[in-house]
């Protein structure tokens, strides 16, 4: 008997991958903020002669648990690939996007090993975080496509809004990068032996703050254009959600800076960075629409779509 997975069930699997990749970013930050970055001095084992961390070493246990979380993320990604293979109907685009997660995860595991072997060199830590953001983008695109049926995409945003969301995506990456530079120059290196970037923290924070303000201006401008030129409820909702997320994230950022960057606020700020990045990606994805999933044959109820009308996308400009 051939295994079959419904489109609805596969959508849940892809959402699980999004959650897993978001969580590993936050848990990885906790490793650094607790000074446990070198709790395990070797890789892939914790120590040269043992795979599991010693129970009497808190830092080693924190790092080891994070490695176990990485294993759970790997399972979520493998499930996304296997699900794409047995999904009914099978779609090539979903398979390719799920395989992108595999490639990224392998690169992430190797880079994570390099971070340990290089004793938390700031550039390697920055690369580790930025690759996590690329993986999250991949997972969000996969989930978005899994939530719709196969078919051509229709542009549902005015051209100016499409350009702005593209700019938001690129600028969002810059904001994330400048944020990692602030972290690389700051006190939370993951271990007292870790090198820090030779950049004055106030200067790095000022550059990052300006980048965030520009991101907010771009997001507010997007809403203004949507109000003036018309929009879909989905696009309007996501644009407003992005503005709110940036405002909250900015408030956390300024608070942590002026209170001596306490670890808890830094952790919240990193979680906020994940949310803002996801909101930027989601806004970009909302500028196009594909046929609704209800029009695609579902393995759980093959008769549910009999005679259903499949909409024909049209460009909006």
C-alpha atoms as a PDB file:
ATOM      1  CA  UNK A   1       0.000   0.000   0.000  1.00  0.00           C
ATOM      2  CA  UNK A   2       1.433   3.355  -1.043  1.00  0.00           C
ATOM      3  CA  UNK A   3       1.712   5.958   1.687  1.00  0.00           C
ATOM      4  CA  UNK A   4      -0.223   9.147   1.011  1.00  0.00           C
ATOM      5  CA  UNK A   5      -0.242  12.456   2.842  1.00  0.00           C
ATOM      6  CA  UNK A   6      -2.945  15.074   2.461  1.00  0.00           C
ATOM      7  CA  UNK A   7      -2.156  18.646   1.504  1.00  0.00           C
ATOM      8  CA  UNK A   8      -3.566  19.787   4.839  1.00  0.00           C
ATOM      9  CA  UNK A   9      -1.341  17.429   6.825  1.00  0.00           C
ATOM     10  CA  UNK A  10       1.721  18.483   4.842  1.00  0.00           C
ATOM     11  CA  UNK A  11       0.964  22.117   5.587  1.00  0.00           C
ATOM     12  CA  UNK A  12       1.113  21.287   9.290  1.00  0.00           C
ATOM     13  CA  UNK A  13       4.493  19.614   8.793  1.00  0.00           C
ATOM     14  CA  UNK A  14       5.906  22.692   7.078  1.00  0.00           C
ATOM     15  CA  UNK A  15       4.586  24.889   9.882  1.00  0.00           C
ATOM     16  CA  UNK A  16       6.403  22.611  12.319  1.00  0.00           C
ATOM     17  CA  UNK A  17       9.616  23.239  10.379  1.00  0.00           C
ATOM     18  CA  UNK A  18       9.057  27.006  10.674  1.00  0.00           C
ATOM     19  CA  UNK A  19       8.571  26.727  14.440  1.00  0.00           C
ATOM     20  CA  UNK A  20      11.593  24.444  14.860  1.00  0.00           C
ATOM     21  CA  UNK A  21      13.912  26.754  12.929  1.00  0.00           C
ATOM     22  CA  UNK A  22      12.660  29.754  14.903  1.00  0.00           C
ATOM     23  CA  UNK A  23      13.169  27.968  18.217  1.00  0.00           C
ATOM     24  CA  UNK A  24      16.715  26.780  17.453  1.00  0.00           C
ATOM     25  CA  UNK A  25      17.740  30.383  16.780  1.00  0.00           C
ATOM     26  CA  UNK A  26      16.422  31.462  20.169  1.00  0.00           C
ATOM     27  CA  UNK A  27      17.867  28.457  22.012  1.00  0.00           C
ATOM     28  CA  UNK A  28      21.228  29.035  20.327  1.00  0.00           C
ATOM     29  CA  UNK A  29      21.193  32.582  21.667  1.00  0.00           C
ATOM     30  CA  UNK A  30      20.534  31.204  25.157  1.00  0.00           C
ATOM     31  CA  UNK A  31      23.734  29.156  24.872  1.00  0.00           C
ATOM     32  CA  UNK A  32      25.736  32.298  24.185  1.00  0.00           C
ATOM     33  CA  UNK A  33      23.968  34.409  26.825  1.00  0.00           C
ATOM     34  CA  UNK A  34      24.612  31.839  29.566  1.00  0.00           C
ATOM     35  CA  UNK A  35      28.310  31.740  28.692  1.00  0.00           C
ATOM     36  CA  UNK A  36      27.964  28.149  27.519  1.00  0.00           C
ATOM     37  CA  UNK A  37      29.275  28.599  23.995  1.00  0.00           C
ATOM     38  CA  UNK A  38      32.321  26.468  24.740  1.00  0.00           C
ATOM     39  CA  UNK A  39      30.605  24.253  27.301  1.00  0.00           C
ATOM     40  CA  UNK A  40      31.429  21.433  24.902  1.00  0.00           C
ATOM     41  CA  UNK A  41      34.982  21.958  23.713  1.00  0.00           C
ATOM     42  CA  UNK A  42      34.791  19.468  20.837  1.00  0.00           C
ATOM     43  CA  UNK A  43      32.482  18.637  17.934  1.00  0.00           C
ATOM     44  CA  UNK A  44      30.510  16.511  17.090  1.00  0.00           C
ATOM     45  CA  UNK A  45      31.240  14.960  20.514  1.00  0.00           C
ATOM     46  CA  UNK A  46      30.920  17.158  23.584  1.00  0.00           C
ATOM     47  CA  UNK A  47      34.441  16.308  24.700  1.00  0.00           C
ATOM     48  CA  UNK A  48      37.124  14.333  22.941  1.00  0.00           C
ATOM     49  CA  UNK A  49      36.346  11.179  24.928  1.00  0.00           C
ATOM     50  CA  UNK A  50      32.597  11.554  25.522  1.00  0.00           C
ATOM     51  CA  UNK A  51      29.531  12.300  23.435  1.00  0.00           C
ATOM     52  CA  UNK A  52      27.160  13.297  26.266  1.00  0.00           C
ATOM     53  CA  UNK A  53      27.870  16.299  28.485  1.00  0.00           C
ATOM     54  CA  UNK A  54      28.743  15.701  32.117  1.00  0.00           C
ATOM     55  CA  UNK A  55      25.808  16.299  34.470  1.00  0.00           C
ATOM     56  CA  UNK A  56      28.005  18.253  36.881  1.00  0.00           C
ATOM     57  CA  UNK A  57      28.911  20.814  34.194  1.00  0.00           C
ATOM     58  CA  UNK A  58      26.014  23.281  33.685  1.00  0.00           C
ATOM     59  CA  UNK A  59      27.618  25.047  30.719  1.00  0.00           C
ATOM     60  CA  UNK A  60      28.344  21.762  28.971  1.00  0.00           C
ATOM     61  CA  UNK A  61      24.791  20.576  29.583  1.00  0.00           C
ATOM     62  CA  UNK A  62      23.296  23.788  28.136  1.00  0.00           C
ATOM     63  CA  UNK A  63      25.390  23.424  24.980  1.00  0.00           C
ATOM     64  CA  UNK A  64      24.625  19.711  24.706  1.00  0.00           C
ATOM     65  CA  UNK A  65      20.868  20.270  25.046  1.00  0.00           C
ATOM     66  CA  UNK A  66      21.063  22.837  22.255  1.00  0.00           C
ATOM     67  CA  UNK A  67      22.757  20.216  20.080  1.00  0.00           C
ATOM     68  CA  UNK A  68      19.867  17.873  20.830  1.00  0.00           C
ATOM     69  CA  UNK A  69      17.480  20.615  19.726  1.00  0.00           C
ATOM     70  CA  UNK A  70      19.452  20.744  16.478  1.00  0.00           C
ATOM     71  CA  UNK A  71      18.689  17.050  16.101  1.00  0.00           C
ATOM     72  CA  UNK A  72      14.983  17.751  16.559  1.00  0.00           C
ATOM     73  CA  UNK A  73      15.160  20.459  13.891  1.00  0.00           C
ATOM     74  CA  UNK A  74      16.824  17.973  11.555  1.00  0.00           C
ATOM     75  CA  UNK A  75      13.914  15.581  12.114  1.00  0.00           C
ATOM     76  CA  UNK A  76      11.424  18.360  11.275  1.00  0.00           C
ATOM     77  CA  UNK A  77      13.294  19.096   8.039  1.00  0.00           C
ATOM     78  CA  UNK A  78      13.508  15.425   7.076  1.00  0.00           C
ATOM     79  CA  UNK A  79       9.760  15.168   7.708  1.00  0.00           C
ATOM     80  CA  UNK A  80       9.217  18.076   5.309  1.00  0.00           C
ATOM     81  CA  UNK A  81      11.177  16.280   2.579  1.00  0.00           C
ATOM     82  CA  UNK A  82       9.520  12.907   3.127  1.00  0.00           C
ATOM     83  CA  UNK A  83       6.135  14.594   3.311  1.00  0.00           C
ATOM     84  CA  UNK A  84       6.738  16.276  -0.044  1.00  0.00           C
ATOM     85  CA  UNK A  85       7.509  12.862  -1.546  1.00  0.00           C
ATOM     86  CA  UNK A  86       4.287  11.203  -0.374  1.00  0.00           C
ATOM     87  CA  UNK A  87       2.003  14.239  -0.539  1.00  0.00           C
ATOM     88  CA  UNK A  88      -1.048  13.812  -2.771  1.00  0.00           C
ATOM     89  CA  UNK A  89      -0.871  15.351  -5.238  1.00  0.00           C
ATOM     90  CA  UNK A  90       2.913  15.504  -5.362  1.00  0.00           C
ATOM     91  CA  UNK A  91       4.358  18.883  -6.279  1.00  0.00           C
ATOM     92  CA  UNK A  92       7.859  19.449  -7.563  1.00  0.00           C
ATOM     93  CA  UNK A  93       8.097  22.980  -6.148  1.00  0.00           C
ATOM     94  CA  UNK A  94       7.449  21.747  -2.600  1.00  0.00           C
ATOM     95  CA  UNK A  95      10.073  19.030  -2.969  1.00  0.00           C
ATOM     96  CA  UNK A  96      12.715  21.497  -4.158  1.00  0.00           C
ATOM     97  CA  UNK A  97      11.991  23.992  -1.378  1.00  0.00           C
ATOM     98  CA  UNK A  98      12.126  21.215   1.235  1.00  0.00           C
ATOM     99  CA  UNK A  99      15.459  20.018  -0.175  1.00  0.00           C
ATOM    100  CA  UNK A 100      16.699  23.580   0.215  1.00  0.00           C
ATOM    101  CA  UNK A 101      16.154  23.159   3.957  1.00  0.00           C
ATOM    102  CA  UNK A 102      18.287  20.007   3.911  1.00  0.00           C
ATOM    103  CA  UNK A 103      21.168  21.778   2.181  1.00  0.00           C
ATOM    104  CA  UNK A 104      20.914  24.677   4.605  1.00  0.00           C
ATOM    105  CA  UNK A 105      20.751  22.413   7.636  1.00  0.00           C
ATOM    106  CA  UNK A 106      23.848  20.467   6.580  1.00  0.00           C
ATOM    107  CA  UNK A 107      25.683  23.765   6.097  1.00  0.00           C
ATOM    108  CA  UNK A 108      24.422  24.932   9.489  1.00  0.00           C
ATOM    109  CA  UNK A 109      25.674  21.807  11.261  1.00  0.00           C
ATOM    110  CA  UNK A 110      29.112  22.157   9.667  1.00  0.00           C
ATOM    111  CA  UNK A 111      29.231  25.875  10.467  1.00  0.00           C
ATOM    112  CA  UNK A 112      28.146  25.151  14.038  1.00  0.00           C
ATOM    113  CA  UNK A 113      31.102  22.798  14.374  1.00  0.00           C
ATOM    114  CA  UNK A 114      33.407  25.499  13.037  1.00  0.00           C
ATOM    115  CA  UNK A 115      32.038  27.969  15.592  1.00  0.00           C
ATOM    116  CA  UNK A 116      33.131  25.611  18.375  1.00  0.00           C
ATOM    117  CA  UNK A 117      36.489  24.736  16.823  1.00  0.00           C
ATOM    118  CA  UNK A 118      37.213  28.432  16.190  1.00  0.00           C
ATOM    119  CA  UNK A 119      36.305  29.163  19.824  1.00  0.00           C
ATOM    120  CA  UNK A 120      33.337  31.420  19.044  1.00  0.00           C
ATOM    121  CA  UNK A 121      35.114  33.707  16.594  1.00  0.00           C
ATOM    122  CA  UNK A 122      32.618  36.571  16.062  1.00  0.00           C
ATOM    123  CA  UNK A 123      32.568  36.244  12.265  1.00  0.00           C
ATOM    124  CA  UNK A 124      31.688  32.543  12.524  1.00  0.00           C
ATOM    125  CA  UNK A 125      28.919  33.279  15.032  1.00  0.00           C
ATOM    126  CA  UNK A 126      27.523  35.995  12.750  1.00  0.00           C
ATOM    127  CA  UNK A 127      27.540  33.577   9.821  1.00  0.00           C
ATOM    128  CA  UNK A 128      25.794  30.955  11.950  1.00  0.00           C
ATOM    129  CA  UNK A 129      22.974  33.362  12.824  1.00  0.00           C
ATOM    130  CA  UNK A 130      22.547  34.751   9.313  1.00  0.00           C
ATOM    131  CA  UNK A 131      22.338  31.250   7.854  1.00  0.00           C
ATOM    132  CA  UNK A 132      19.569  30.561  10.385  1.00  0.00           C
ATOM    133  CA  UNK A 133      17.660  33.524   8.969  1.00  0.00           C
ATOM    134  CA  UNK A 134      18.084  32.224   5.418  1.00  0.00           C
ATOM    135  CA  UNK A 135      16.771  28.843   6.550  1.00  0.00           C
ATOM    136  CA  UNK A 136      13.776  30.521   8.185  1.00  0.00           C
ATOM    137  CA  UNK A 137      13.048  32.357   4.918  1.00  0.00           C
ATOM    138  CA  UNK A 138      13.194  29.047   3.062  1.00  0.00           C
ATOM    139  CA  UNK A 139      10.816  27.416   5.541  1.00  0.00           C
ATOM    140  CA  UNK A 140       8.354  30.319   5.353  1.00  0.00           C
ATOM    141  CA  UNK A 141       8.280  30.159   1.551  1.00  0.00           C
ATOM    142  CA  UNK A 142       7.757  26.391   1.725  1.00  0.00           C
ATOM    143  CA  UNK A 143       4.880  26.789   4.188  1.00  0.00           C
ATOM    144  CA  UNK A 144       3.306  29.533   2.096  1.00  0.00           C
ATOM    145  CA  UNK A 145       3.411  27.373  -1.030  1.00  0.00           C
ATOM    146  CA  UNK A 146       2.130  24.352   0.896  1.00  0.00           C
ATOM    147  CA  UNK A 147      -0.856  26.461   1.960  1.00  0.00           C
ATOM    148  CA  UNK A 148      -1.968  26.971  -1.636  1.00  0.00           C
ATOM    149  CA  UNK A 149      -2.656  24.830  -4.665  1.00  0.00           C
ATOM    150  CA  UNK A 150      -0.373  24.477  -7.653  1.00  0.00           C
ATOM    151  CA  UNK A 151      -0.829  27.129 -10.278  1.00  0.00           C
ATOM    152  CA  UNK A 152       0.465  30.463 -11.524  1.00  0.00           C
ATOM    153  CA  UNK A 153       0.835  33.283  -9.023  1.00  0.00           C
ATOM    154  CA  UNK A 154      -1.180  36.472  -9.379  1.00  0.00           C
ATOM    155  CA  UNK A 155       0.329  39.775  -8.284  1.00  0.00           C
ATOM    156  CA  UNK A 156      -2.133  41.387  -5.865  1.00  0.00           C
ATOM    157  CA  UNK A 157      -0.055  44.424  -4.893  1.00  0.00           C
ATOM    158  CA  UNK A 158       0.552  47.643  -6.835  1.00  0.00           C
ATOM    159  CA  UNK A 159       3.998  47.799  -8.510  1.00  0.00           C
ATOM    160  CA  UNK A 160       5.272  50.372  -6.018  1.00  0.00           C
ATOM    161  CA  UNK A 161       4.320  48.126  -3.109  1.00  0.00           C
ATOM    162  CA  UNK A 162       6.027  45.143  -4.746  1.00  0.00           C
ATOM    163  CA  UNK A 163       9.202  47.203  -5.049  1.00  0.00           C
ATOM    164  CA  UNK A 164       8.944  48.353  -1.447  1.00  0.00           C
ATOM    165  CA  UNK A 165       8.503  44.835  -0.092  1.00  0.00           C
ATOM    166  CA  UNK A 166      11.555  43.785  -2.086  1.00  0.00           C
ATOM    167  CA  UNK A 167      13.471  46.678  -0.533  1.00  0.00           C
ATOM    168  CA  UNK A 168      12.202  45.655   2.908  1.00  0.00           C
ATOM    169  CA  UNK A 169      13.515  42.147   2.352  1.00  0.00           C
ATOM    170  CA  UNK A 170      16.980  43.366   1.388  1.00  0.00           C
ATOM    171  CA  UNK A 171      17.105  46.034   4.070  1.00  0.00           C
ATOM    172  CA  UNK A 172      15.853  43.565   6.654  1.00  0.00           C
ATOM    173  CA  UNK A 173      18.921  41.435   5.987  1.00  0.00           C
ATOM    174  CA  UNK A 174      21.095  44.510   6.498  1.00  0.00           C
ATOM    175  CA  UNK A 175      19.354  45.260   9.795  1.00  0.00           C
ATOM    176  CA  UNK A 176      19.992  41.694  10.958  1.00  0.00           C
ATOM    177  CA  UNK A 177      23.642  41.958   9.936  1.00  0.00           C
ATOM    178  CA  UNK A 178      24.213  45.232  11.782  1.00  0.00           C
ATOM    179  CA  UNK A 179      22.501  43.715  14.809  1.00  0.00           C
ATOM    180  CA  UNK A 180      24.910  40.785  14.821  1.00  0.00           C
ATOM    181  CA  UNK A 181      27.816  43.240  14.641  1.00  0.00           C
ATOM    182  CA  UNK A 182      26.538  44.952  17.799  1.00  0.00           C
ATOM    183  CA  UNK A 183      26.319  41.550  19.470  1.00  0.00           C
ATOM    184  CA  UNK A 184      29.786  40.606  18.221  1.00  0.00           C
ATOM    185  CA  UNK A 185      31.216  43.719  19.840  1.00  0.00           C
ATOM    186  CA  UNK A 186      29.174  43.371  23.038  1.00  0.00           C
ATOM    187  CA  UNK A 187      29.769  41.552  26.319  1.00  0.00           C
ATOM    188  CA  UNK A 188      27.820  38.370  25.535  1.00  0.00           C
ATOM    189  CA  UNK A 189      30.391  36.400  23.571  1.00  0.00           C
ATOM    190  CA  UNK A 190      29.339  32.991  24.821  1.00  0.00           C
ATOM    191  CA  UNK A 191      32.536  32.461  26.789  1.00  0.00           C
ATOM    192  CA  UNK A 192      35.058  34.635  28.610  1.00  0.00           C
ATOM    193  CA  UNK A 193      37.760  33.394  26.216  1.00  0.00           C
ATOM    194  CA  UNK A 194      35.869  34.435  23.087  1.00  0.00           C
ATOM    195  CA  UNK A 195      37.256  37.283  21.005  1.00  0.00           C
ATOM    196  CA  UNK A 196      35.072  40.318  20.340  1.00  0.00           C
ATOM    197  CA  UNK A 197      34.845  42.516  17.273  1.00  0.00           C
ATOM    198  CA  UNK A 198      37.175  45.551  17.503  1.00  0.00           C
ATOM    199  CA  UNK A 199      34.312  48.012  17.138  1.00  0.00           C
ATOM    200  CA  UNK A 200      33.061  50.511  19.703  1.00  0.00           C
ATOM    201  CA  UNK A 201      29.665  49.349  20.930  1.00  0.00           C
ATOM    202  CA  UNK A 202      28.073  52.847  20.791  1.00  0.00           C
ATOM    203  CA  UNK A 203      29.126  53.224  17.150  1.00  0.00           C
ATOM    204  CA  UNK A 204      27.827  49.778  16.191  1.00  0.00           C
ATOM    205  CA  UNK A 205      24.571  50.374  18.078  1.00  0.00           C
ATOM    206  CA  UNK A 206      24.102  53.756  16.402  1.00  0.00           C
ATOM    207  CA  UNK A 207      24.489  52.256  12.921  1.00  0.00           C
ATOM    208  CA  UNK A 208      22.077  49.460  13.802  1.00  0.00           C
ATOM    209  CA  UNK A 209      19.560  51.925  15.235  1.00  0.00           C
ATOM    210  CA  UNK A 210      19.587  54.046  12.081  1.00  0.00           C
ATOM    211  CA  UNK A 211      19.097  50.908   9.969  1.00  0.00           C
ATOM    212  CA  UNK A 212      16.060  49.938  12.066  1.00  0.00           C
ATOM    213  CA  UNK A 213      14.557  53.427  11.708  1.00  0.00           C
ATOM    214  CA  UNK A 214      14.912  53.199   7.924  1.00  0.00           C
ATOM    215  CA  UNK A 215      13.241  49.774   8.030  1.00  0.00           C
ATOM    216  CA  UNK A 216      10.340  51.296   9.972  1.00  0.00           C
ATOM    217  CA  UNK A 217      10.037  54.156   7.472  1.00  0.00           C
ATOM    218  CA  UNK A 218       9.886  51.659   4.599  1.00  0.00           C
ATOM    219  CA  UNK A 219       7.183  49.658   6.395  1.00  0.00           C
ATOM    220  CA  UNK A 220       5.071  52.738   7.197  1.00  0.00           C
ATOM    221  CA  UNK A 221       5.448  53.951   3.603  1.00  0.00           C
ATOM    222  CA  UNK A 222       4.183  50.563   2.448  1.00  0.00           C
ATOM    223  CA  UNK A 223       1.035  50.963   4.550  1.00  0.00           C
ATOM    224  CA  UNK A 224       0.503  54.491   3.213  1.00  0.00           C
ATOM    225  CA  UNK A 225       0.706  53.224  -0.365  1.00  0.00           C
ATOM    226  CA  UNK A 226      -1.663  50.367   0.402  1.00  0.00           C
ATOM    227  CA  UNK A 227      -4.214  52.768   1.867  1.00  0.00           C
ATOM    228  CA  UNK A 228      -3.962  55.078  -1.139  1.00  0.00           C
ATOM    229  CA  UNK A 229      -3.823  52.494  -3.924  1.00  0.00           C
ATOM    230  CA  UNK A 230      -5.911  49.673  -2.457  1.00  0.00           C
ATOM    231  CA  UNK A 231      -4.957  46.322  -1.019  1.00  0.00           C
ATOM    232  CA  UNK A 232      -6.111  42.877   0.032  1.00  0.00           C
ATOM    233  CA  UNK A 233      -7.000  42.236   3.694  1.00  0.00           C
ATOM    234  CA  UNK A 234      -4.104  39.754   3.937  1.00  0.00           C
ATOM    235  CA  UNK A 235      -1.544  42.257   2.667  1.00  0.00           C
ATOM    236  CA  UNK A 236      -2.867  45.082   4.841  1.00  0.00           C
ATOM    237  CA  UNK A 237      -2.876  42.876   7.935  1.00  0.00           C
ATOM    238  CA  UNK A 238       0.702  41.731   7.405  1.00  0.00           C
ATOM    239  CA  UNK A 239       1.976  45.255   6.749  1.00  0.00           C
ATOM    240  CA  UNK A 240       0.461  46.530   9.998  1.00  0.00           C
ATOM    241  CA  UNK A 241       1.788  43.522  11.879  1.00  0.00           C
ATOM    242  CA  UNK A 242       5.291  44.296  10.590  1.00  0.00           C
ATOM    243  CA  UNK A 243       5.127  47.914  11.750  1.00  0.00           C
ATOM    244  CA  UNK A 244       3.979  46.814  15.198  1.00  0.00           C
ATOM    245  CA  UNK A 245       6.745  44.215  15.436  1.00  0.00           C
ATOM    246  CA  UNK A 246       9.416  46.770  14.473  1.00  0.00           C
ATOM    247  CA  UNK A 247       8.165  49.280  17.055  1.00  0.00           C
ATOM    248  CA  UNK A 248       8.198  46.696  19.864  1.00  0.00           C
ATOM    249  CA  UNK A 249      11.594  45.405  18.757  1.00  0.00           C
ATOM    250  CA  UNK A 250      13.007  48.921  18.700  1.00  0.00           C
ATOM    251  CA  UNK A 251      11.705  49.572  22.214  1.00  0.00           C
ATOM    252  CA  UNK A 252      13.373  46.396  23.484  1.00  0.00           C
ATOM    253  CA  UNK A 253      16.603  47.318  21.720  1.00  0.00           C
ATOM    254  CA  UNK A 254      16.835  50.789  23.236  1.00  0.00           C
ATOM    255  CA  UNK A 255      15.866  49.481  26.675  1.00  0.00           C
ATOM    256  CA  UNK A 256      18.562  46.799  26.652  1.00  0.00           C
ATOM    257  CA  UNK A 257      21.185  49.307  25.490  1.00  0.00           C
ATOM    258  CA  UNK A 258      20.451  51.848  28.214  1.00  0.00           C
ATOM    259  CA  UNK A 259      20.181  49.206  30.963  1.00  0.00           C
ATOM    260  CA  UNK A 260      23.559  47.586  30.343  1.00  0.00           C
ATOM    261  CA  UNK A 261      22.421  44.832  27.937  1.00  0.00           C
ATOM    262  CA  UNK A 262      21.037  42.328  30.497  1.00  0.00           C
ATOM    263  CA  UNK A 263      20.917  38.779  29.165  1.00  0.00           C
ATOM    264  CA  UNK A 264      17.126  38.433  29.434  1.00  0.00           C
ATOM    265  CA  UNK A 265      16.469  41.520  27.322  1.00  0.00           C
ATOM    266  CA  UNK A 266      19.075  40.412  24.791  1.00  0.00           C
ATOM    267  CA  UNK A 267      17.256  37.073  24.507  1.00  0.00           C
ATOM    268  CA  UNK A 268      13.954  38.901  23.973  1.00  0.00           C
ATOM    269  CA  UNK A 269      15.616  41.096  21.366  1.00  0.00           C
ATOM    270  CA  UNK A 270      16.859  38.063  19.452  1.00  0.00           C
ATOM    271  CA  UNK A 271      13.392  36.512  19.589  1.00  0.00           C
ATOM    272  CA  UNK A 272      12.075  39.834  18.311  1.00  0.00           C
ATOM    273  CA  UNK A 273      14.564  39.758  15.444  1.00  0.00           C
ATOM    274  CA  UNK A 274      13.186  36.369  14.410  1.00  0.00           C
ATOM    275  CA  UNK A 275       9.628  37.737  14.524  1.00  0.00           C
ATOM    276  CA  UNK A 276      10.473  40.891  12.550  1.00  0.00           C
ATOM    277  CA  UNK A 277      12.321  38.904   9.877  1.00  0.00           C
ATOM    278  CA  UNK A 278       9.413  36.475   9.589  1.00  0.00           C
ATOM    279  CA  UNK A 279       7.025  39.432   9.273  1.00  0.00           C
ATOM    280  CA  UNK A 280       9.137  40.958   6.475  1.00  0.00           C
ATOM    281  CA  UNK A 281       9.147  37.662   4.573  1.00  0.00           C
ATOM    282  CA  UNK A 282       5.416  37.144   5.133  1.00  0.00           C
ATOM    283  CA  UNK A 283       4.654  40.622   3.821  1.00  0.00           C
ATOM    284  CA  UNK A 284       6.613  39.938   0.651  1.00  0.00           C
ATOM    285  CA  UNK A 285       4.813  36.623   0.172  1.00  0.00           C
ATOM    286  CA  UNK A 286       1.446  38.354   0.561  1.00  0.00           C
ATOM    287  CA  UNK A 287       2.051  40.475  -2.545  1.00  0.00           C
ATOM    288  CA  UNK A 288       1.189  37.467  -4.709  1.00  0.00           C
ATOM    289  CA  UNK A 289      -1.644  34.956  -4.502  1.00  0.00           C
ATOM    290  CA  UNK A 290      -2.009  31.427  -5.792  1.00  0.00           C
ATOM    291  CA  UNK A 291      -5.133  29.269  -6.213  1.00  0.00           C
ATOM    292  CA  UNK A 292      -6.706  28.364  -2.901  1.00  0.00           C
ATOM    293  CA  UNK A 293      -5.797  24.962  -1.531  1.00  0.00           C
ATOM    294  CA  UNK A 294      -9.457  23.915  -1.347  1.00  0.00           C
ATOM    295  CA  UNK A 295      -9.394  23.546  -5.127  1.00  0.00           C
ATOM    296  CA  UNK A 296      -6.600  21.002  -4.953  1.00  0.00           C
ATOM    297  CA  UNK A 297      -7.478  17.332  -4.476  1.00  0.00           C
ATOM    298  CA  UNK A 298      -6.994  16.381  -0.816  1.00  0.00           C
ATOM    299  CA  UNK A 299      -5.895  12.845   0.042  1.00  0.00           C
ATOM    300  CA  UNK A 300      -8.136  12.879   3.130  1.00  0.00           C
ATOM    301  CA  UNK A 301     -11.258  13.665   1.093  1.00  0.00           C
ATOM    302  CA  UNK A 302     -10.754  13.114  -2.638  1.00  0.00           C
ATOM    303  CA  UNK A 303     -14.390  13.939  -3.358  1.00  0.00           C
ATOM    304  CA  UNK A 304     -14.300  17.260  -1.554  1.00  0.00           C
ATOM    305  CA  UNK A 305     -13.184  19.161  -4.616  1.00  0.00           C
ATOM    306  CA  UNK A 306     -15.170  17.338  -7.288  1.00  0.00           C
ATOM    307  CA  UNK A 307     -16.569  19.944  -9.599  1.00  0.00           C
ATOM    308  CA  UNK A 308     -14.846  22.767  -7.753  1.00  0.00           C
ATOM    309  CA  UNK A 309     -14.028  25.838  -9.795  1.00  0.00           C
ATOM    310  CA  UNK A 310     -10.315  26.653 -10.055  1.00  0.00           C
ATOM    311  CA  UNK A 311      -9.795  30.437 -10.116  1.00  0.00           C
ATOM    312  CA  UNK A 312      -7.749  31.989 -12.891  1.00  0.00           C
ATOM    313  CA  UNK A 313      -5.114  34.395 -11.503  1.00  0.00           C
ATOM    314  CA  UNK A 314      -4.813  37.823 -13.061  1.00  0.00           C
ATOM    315  CA  UNK A 315      -2.097  40.382 -12.585  1.00  0.00           C
ATOM    316  CA  UNK A 316      -2.898  43.432 -10.525  1.00  0.00           C
ATOM    317  CA  UNK A 317      -1.052  46.527 -11.417  1.00  0.00           C
END
